[in-house]
């Protein structure tokens, strides 16, 4: 059985301190974006998700990727941060005409431990 495009692109989903780390890889385009969107929708279902999406292993991304991250950000009252170092992807995410204002990091931050209940 051949894996779906989203299965191939979503390399890992795991807790990272107080947030959820989603590691994506490969190509994010019109073919793979719907499946990735379903995975991100499941993570933002409750609305308060704090997502950290690692794009460092993404080789190509077009406007479908921009759309799915903007949609994910709109679905959550939590935080959405992207980790990206690829110049072409950064150019797309920071394009001045799009005015997206994504919180973009260049490396995986240290995990913040959840606070103990008092």
N, C-alpha and C. Protein backbone atom coordinates (compact mmCIF):
# COMPACT_ATOMS: atom_id res chain seq x y z
N UNK A 1 0.85 -1.18 0.00
CA UNK A 1 0.00 0.00 0.00
C UNK A 1 0.89 1.24 0.00
N UNK A 2 0.64 2.15 -0.92
CA UNK A 2 1.42 3.38 -1.06
C UNK A 2 0.93 4.41 -0.04
N UNK A 3 1.87 5.08 0.69
CA UNK A 3 1.43 6.09 1.65
C UNK A 3 0.84 7.30 0.95
N UNK A 4 -0.09 7.96 1.62
CA UNK A 4 -0.69 9.17 1.05
C UNK A 4 0.33 10.28 1.07
N UNK A 5 0.19 11.31 0.21
CA UNK A 5 1.15 12.41 0.19
C UNK A 5 1.32 13.09 1.56
N UNK A 6 0.25 13.23 2.31
CA UNK A 6 0.35 13.88 3.62
C UNK A 6 1.16 13.03 4.58
N UNK A 7 1.03 11.71 4.49
CA UNK A 7 1.80 10.83 5.35
C UNK A 7 3.28 11.00 5.06
N UNK A 8 3.62 11.17 3.82
CA UNK A 8 5.00 11.36 3.42
C UNK A 8 5.51 12.72 3.90
N UNK A 9 4.69 13.76 3.82
CA UNK A 9 5.10 15.12 4.19
C UNK A 9 5.11 15.36 5.69
N UNK A 10 4.23 14.72 6.43
CA UNK A 10 4.21 14.89 7.89
C UNK A 10 5.12 13.82 8.46
N UNK A 11 6.35 14.23 8.74
CA UNK A 11 7.38 13.30 9.19
C UNK A 11 7.21 12.92 10.65
N UNK A 12 6.77 13.89 11.47
CA UNK A 12 6.68 13.63 12.91
C UNK A 12 5.75 14.64 13.57
N UNK A 13 5.00 14.19 14.55
CA UNK A 13 4.17 15.04 15.41
C UNK A 13 4.43 14.57 16.83
N UNK A 14 4.93 15.49 17.68
CA UNK A 14 5.24 15.09 19.05
C UNK A 14 5.20 16.30 19.97
N UNK A 15 5.05 16.07 21.26
CA UNK A 15 5.12 17.17 22.21
C UNK A 15 6.54 17.74 22.25
N UNK A 16 6.63 19.03 22.42
CA UNK A 16 7.92 19.72 22.58
C UNK A 16 7.72 20.76 23.67
N UNK A 17 7.89 20.33 24.88
CA UNK A 17 7.61 21.21 26.01
C UNK A 17 6.10 21.46 26.08
N UNK A 18 5.71 22.73 26.07
CA UNK A 18 4.29 23.08 26.17
C UNK A 18 3.61 23.17 24.81
N UNK A 19 4.35 22.93 23.74
CA UNK A 19 3.73 23.02 22.41
C UNK A 19 3.79 21.67 21.71
N UNK A 20 3.21 21.63 20.51
CA UNK A 20 3.26 20.43 19.67
C UNK A 20 4.16 20.74 18.49
N UNK A 21 5.17 19.90 18.29
CA UNK A 21 6.09 20.05 17.17
C UNK A 21 5.59 19.20 16.01
N UNK A 22 5.45 19.83 14.85
CA UNK A 22 5.06 19.14 13.63
C UNK A 22 6.22 19.30 12.65
N UNK A 23 6.86 18.20 12.28
CA UNK A 23 7.98 18.24 11.36
C UNK A 23 7.47 17.84 9.98
N UNK A 24 7.62 18.75 9.03
CA UNK A 24 7.19 18.49 7.65
C UNK A 24 8.42 18.30 6.77
N UNK A 25 8.25 17.57 5.68
CA UNK A 25 9.35 17.34 4.75
C UNK A 25 8.81 17.19 3.33
N UNK A 26 9.73 17.17 2.39
CA UNK A 26 9.34 16.96 1.00
C UNK A 26 8.78 18.21 0.35
N UNK A 27 7.67 18.05 -0.36
CA UNK A 27 7.05 19.15 -1.09
C UNK A 27 5.67 19.45 -0.53
N UNK A 28 5.42 20.73 -0.34
CA UNK A 28 4.09 21.18 0.09
C UNK A 28 3.51 21.95 -1.09
N UNK A 29 2.54 21.36 -1.72
CA UNK A 29 1.93 21.96 -2.91
C UNK A 29 0.46 21.59 -2.97
N UNK A 30 -0.17 21.86 -4.07
CA UNK A 30 -1.61 21.62 -4.22
C UNK A 30 -1.94 20.13 -4.06
N UNK A 31 -0.98 19.27 -4.32
CA UNK A 31 -1.20 17.83 -4.21
C UNK A 31 -1.14 17.35 -2.76
N UNK A 32 -0.23 17.89 -1.97
CA UNK A 32 -0.04 17.42 -0.60
C UNK A 32 -0.75 18.27 0.45
N UNK A 33 -1.05 19.52 0.13
CA UNK A 33 -1.64 20.43 1.13
C UNK A 33 -2.96 19.93 1.74
N UNK A 34 -3.88 19.36 0.98
CA UNK A 34 -5.14 18.90 1.61
C UNK A 34 -4.92 17.88 2.73
N UNK A 35 -4.03 16.93 2.53
CA UNK A 35 -3.76 15.95 3.56
C UNK A 35 -3.07 16.55 4.78
N UNK A 36 -2.15 17.48 4.54
CA UNK A 36 -1.48 18.16 5.65
C UNK A 36 -2.49 19.00 6.41
N UNK A 37 -3.39 19.64 5.69
CA UNK A 37 -4.43 20.45 6.32
C UNK A 37 -5.27 19.60 7.26
N UNK A 38 -5.63 18.40 6.84
CA UNK A 38 -6.40 17.51 7.71
C UNK A 38 -5.65 17.20 9.00
N UNK A 39 -4.36 16.95 8.89
CA UNK A 39 -3.55 16.67 10.10
C UNK A 39 -3.49 17.89 11.01
N UNK A 40 -3.29 19.08 10.43
CA UNK A 40 -3.22 20.30 11.24
C UNK A 40 -4.59 20.66 11.82
N UNK A 41 -5.66 20.38 11.07
CA UNK A 41 -7.01 20.61 11.59
C UNK A 41 -7.27 19.76 12.83
N UNK A 42 -6.79 18.52 12.80
CA UNK A 42 -6.97 17.64 13.96
C UNK A 42 -6.23 18.21 15.18
N UNK A 43 -5.09 18.83 14.96
CA UNK A 43 -4.32 19.41 16.07
C UNK A 43 -4.94 20.72 16.59
N UNK A 44 -5.67 21.42 15.74
CA UNK A 44 -6.26 22.71 16.14
C UNK A 44 -7.74 22.60 16.45
N UNK A 45 -8.25 21.38 16.54
CA UNK A 45 -9.68 21.16 16.74
C UNK A 45 -10.22 21.88 17.97
N UNK A 46 -9.47 21.85 19.06
CA UNK A 46 -9.93 22.49 20.30
C UNK A 46 -9.69 23.99 20.32
N UNK A 47 -8.89 24.50 19.39
CA UNK A 47 -8.70 25.94 19.27
C UNK A 47 -7.54 26.53 20.04
N UNK A 48 -7.02 25.89 21.06
CA UNK A 48 -5.97 26.49 21.87
C UNK A 48 -4.59 25.91 21.63
N UNK A 49 -4.37 25.31 20.49
CA UNK A 49 -3.10 24.64 20.23
C UNK A 49 -1.95 25.63 20.11
N UNK A 50 -0.80 25.24 20.62
CA UNK A 50 0.44 25.98 20.46
C UNK A 50 1.29 25.11 19.54
N UNK A 51 1.36 25.49 18.25
CA UNK A 51 2.04 24.67 17.25
C UNK A 51 3.37 25.26 16.84
N UNK A 52 4.34 24.40 16.69
CA UNK A 52 5.67 24.74 16.19
C UNK A 52 5.87 23.85 14.97
N UNK A 53 5.89 24.45 13.79
CA UNK A 53 5.97 23.67 12.55
C UNK A 53 7.37 23.83 11.96
N UNK A 54 8.08 22.72 11.86
CA UNK A 54 9.45 22.70 11.36
C UNK A 54 9.45 22.45 9.86
N UNK A 55 9.90 23.44 9.11
CA UNK A 55 9.92 23.36 7.65
C UNK A 55 11.32 23.15 7.09
N UNK A 56 12.28 22.90 7.94
CA UNK A 56 13.68 22.82 7.47
C UNK A 56 13.90 21.67 6.49
N UNK A 57 13.11 20.61 6.54
CA UNK A 57 13.27 19.49 5.61
C UNK A 57 12.34 19.60 4.40
N UNK A 58 11.62 20.71 4.28
CA UNK A 58 10.74 20.93 3.13
C UNK A 58 11.60 21.43 1.97
N UNK A 59 11.56 20.71 0.86
CA UNK A 59 12.37 21.04 -0.31
C UNK A 59 11.71 22.05 -1.23
N UNK A 60 10.37 22.07 -1.23
CA UNK A 60 9.62 22.96 -2.11
C UNK A 60 8.31 23.30 -1.45
N UNK A 61 7.90 24.55 -1.57
CA UNK A 61 6.58 24.95 -1.09
C UNK A 61 6.05 26.05 -2.00
N UNK A 62 4.77 25.91 -2.38
CA UNK A 62 4.14 26.96 -3.18
C UNK A 62 3.05 27.63 -2.35
N UNK A 63 2.19 28.38 -3.00
CA UNK A 63 1.16 29.16 -2.30
C UNK A 63 0.17 28.27 -1.53
N UNK A 64 0.06 27.01 -1.90
CA UNK A 64 -0.81 26.09 -1.14
C UNK A 64 -0.30 25.94 0.28
N UNK A 65 1.01 25.93 0.46
CA UNK A 65 1.59 25.86 1.79
C UNK A 65 1.31 27.12 2.59
N UNK A 66 1.45 28.26 1.95
CA UNK A 66 1.15 29.53 2.62
C UNK A 66 -0.30 29.54 3.07
N UNK A 67 -1.19 29.10 2.20
CA UNK A 67 -2.61 29.06 2.53
C UNK A 67 -2.88 28.16 3.73
N UNK A 68 -2.27 26.97 3.75
CA UNK A 68 -2.58 26.06 4.85
C UNK A 68 -2.04 26.57 6.18
N UNK A 69 -0.89 27.25 6.19
CA UNK A 69 -0.39 27.81 7.45
C UNK A 69 -1.23 29.00 7.91
N UNK A 70 -1.68 29.81 6.97
CA UNK A 70 -2.55 30.94 7.33
C UNK A 70 -3.88 30.42 7.87
N UNK A 71 -4.40 29.37 7.28
CA UNK A 71 -5.65 28.76 7.74
C UNK A 71 -5.48 28.16 9.13
N UNK A 72 -4.36 27.48 9.33
CA UNK A 72 -4.09 26.87 10.64
C UNK A 72 -3.99 27.95 11.71
N UNK A 73 -3.31 29.05 11.41
CA UNK A 73 -3.18 30.15 12.37
C UNK A 73 -4.55 30.72 12.71
N UNK A 74 -5.44 30.82 11.74
CA UNK A 74 -6.78 31.38 11.97
C UNK A 74 -7.65 30.44 12.80
N UNK A 75 -7.36 29.14 12.76
CA UNK A 75 -8.17 28.15 13.48
C UNK A 75 -7.83 28.03 14.96
N UNK A 76 -6.70 28.55 15.37
CA UNK A 76 -6.30 28.37 16.76
C UNK A 76 -6.18 29.69 17.50
N UNK A 77 -6.55 29.70 18.76
CA UNK A 77 -6.33 30.87 19.59
C UNK A 77 -4.95 30.78 20.25
N UNK A 78 -4.26 29.67 20.01
CA UNK A 78 -2.90 29.49 20.51
C UNK A 78 -1.91 30.14 19.56
N UNK A 79 -0.70 29.69 19.63
CA UNK A 79 0.39 30.28 18.85
C UNK A 79 0.80 29.34 17.72
N UNK A 80 1.19 29.93 16.60
CA UNK A 80 1.73 29.18 15.47
C UNK A 80 3.08 29.78 15.14
N UNK A 81 4.13 28.96 15.25
CA UNK A 81 5.47 29.39 14.88
C UNK A 81 6.01 28.44 13.82
N UNK A 82 6.76 28.99 12.88
CA UNK A 82 7.36 28.21 11.81
C UNK A 82 8.87 28.25 11.96
N UNK A 83 9.53 27.12 11.73
CA UNK A 83 10.99 27.07 11.70
C UNK A 83 11.37 26.88 10.24
N UNK A 84 12.13 27.84 9.71
CA UNK A 84 12.45 27.79 8.29
C UNK A 84 13.81 28.45 8.05
N UNK A 85 14.64 27.81 7.23
CA UNK A 85 15.94 28.38 6.87
C UNK A 85 16.15 28.42 5.36
N UNK A 86 15.28 27.81 4.59
CA UNK A 86 15.44 27.77 3.13
C UNK A 86 15.08 29.13 2.53
N UNK A 87 16.02 29.78 1.82
CA UNK A 87 15.77 31.14 1.30
C UNK A 87 14.51 31.28 0.44
N UNK A 88 14.25 30.34 -0.45
CA UNK A 88 13.07 30.45 -1.32
C UNK A 88 11.78 30.40 -0.52
N UNK A 89 11.73 29.53 0.48
CA UNK A 89 10.54 29.41 1.32
C UNK A 89 10.38 30.65 2.19
N UNK A 90 11.50 31.14 2.73
CA UNK A 90 11.45 32.38 3.53
C UNK A 90 10.96 33.55 2.69
N UNK A 91 11.41 33.61 1.45
CA UNK A 91 10.96 34.69 0.55
C UNK A 91 9.44 34.65 0.38
N UNK A 92 8.91 33.47 0.19
CA UNK A 92 7.47 33.31 0.03
C UNK A 92 6.72 33.68 1.31
N UNK A 93 7.19 33.19 2.45
CA UNK A 93 6.52 33.45 3.72
C UNK A 93 6.61 34.91 4.16
N UNK A 94 7.66 35.60 3.72
CA UNK A 94 7.86 37.00 4.10
C UNK A 94 7.52 37.99 2.99
N UNK A 95 6.87 37.52 1.94
CA UNK A 95 6.58 38.41 0.80
C UNK A 95 5.79 39.63 1.28
N UNK A 96 6.28 40.83 1.00
CA UNK A 96 5.63 42.04 1.53
C UNK A 96 4.19 42.25 1.05
N UNK A 97 3.87 41.83 -0.14
CA UNK A 97 2.48 42.02 -0.62
C UNK A 97 1.49 41.11 0.10
N UNK A 98 1.95 39.99 0.62
CA UNK A 98 1.06 39.06 1.32
C UNK A 98 0.78 39.51 2.75
N UNK A 99 1.71 40.23 3.36
CA UNK A 99 1.54 40.76 4.73
C UNK A 99 1.05 39.67 5.70
N UNK A 100 1.74 38.57 5.73
CA UNK A 100 1.32 37.45 6.56
C UNK A 100 1.76 37.57 8.01
N UNK A 101 2.94 38.08 8.24
CA UNK A 101 3.41 38.28 9.60
C UNK A 101 3.59 37.01 10.41
N UNK A 102 4.04 35.94 9.77
CA UNK A 102 4.28 34.70 10.50
C UNK A 102 5.44 34.89 11.47
N UNK A 103 5.38 34.20 12.60
CA UNK A 103 6.47 34.15 13.56
C UNK A 103 7.42 33.06 13.06
N UNK A 104 8.57 33.46 12.50
CA UNK A 104 9.49 32.51 11.86
C UNK A 104 10.80 32.46 12.64
N UNK A 105 11.18 31.24 13.00
CA UNK A 105 12.42 30.98 13.73
C UNK A 105 13.42 30.31 12.80
N UNK A 106 14.72 30.39 13.14
CA UNK A 106 15.72 29.73 12.31
C UNK A 106 16.26 28.44 12.92
N UNK A 107 15.77 28.10 14.12
CA UNK A 107 16.16 26.85 14.75
C UNK A 107 15.09 26.40 15.75
N UNK A 108 15.18 25.16 16.13
CA UNK A 108 14.24 24.61 17.10
C UNK A 108 14.56 25.20 18.47
N UNK A 109 13.61 25.89 19.10
CA UNK A 109 13.89 26.45 20.42
C UNK A 109 13.90 25.35 21.49
N UNK A 110 14.54 25.66 22.59
CA UNK A 110 14.54 24.72 23.72
C UNK A 110 13.11 24.57 24.20
N UNK A 111 12.71 23.36 24.57
CA UNK A 111 11.34 23.16 25.05
C UNK A 111 11.12 23.86 26.39
N UNK A 112 9.95 24.43 26.55
CA UNK A 112 9.57 25.06 27.81
C UNK A 112 8.74 24.03 28.58
N UNK A 113 9.18 23.74 29.77
CA UNK A 113 8.49 22.74 30.58
C UNK A 113 7.14 23.27 31.05
N UNK A 114 6.12 22.43 31.05
CA UNK A 114 4.81 22.84 31.56
C UNK A 114 4.94 23.20 33.05
N UNK A 115 4.20 24.23 33.47
CA UNK A 115 4.24 24.63 34.87
C UNK A 115 3.41 23.66 35.69
N UNK A 116 3.90 23.34 36.86
CA UNK A 116 3.17 22.44 37.76
C UNK A 116 1.97 23.15 38.34
N UNK A 117 0.88 22.41 38.51
CA UNK A 117 -0.33 22.99 39.09
C UNK A 117 -0.09 23.28 40.57
N UNK A 118 -0.56 24.43 41.01
CA UNK A 118 -0.35 24.82 42.41
C UNK A 118 -1.35 24.18 43.33
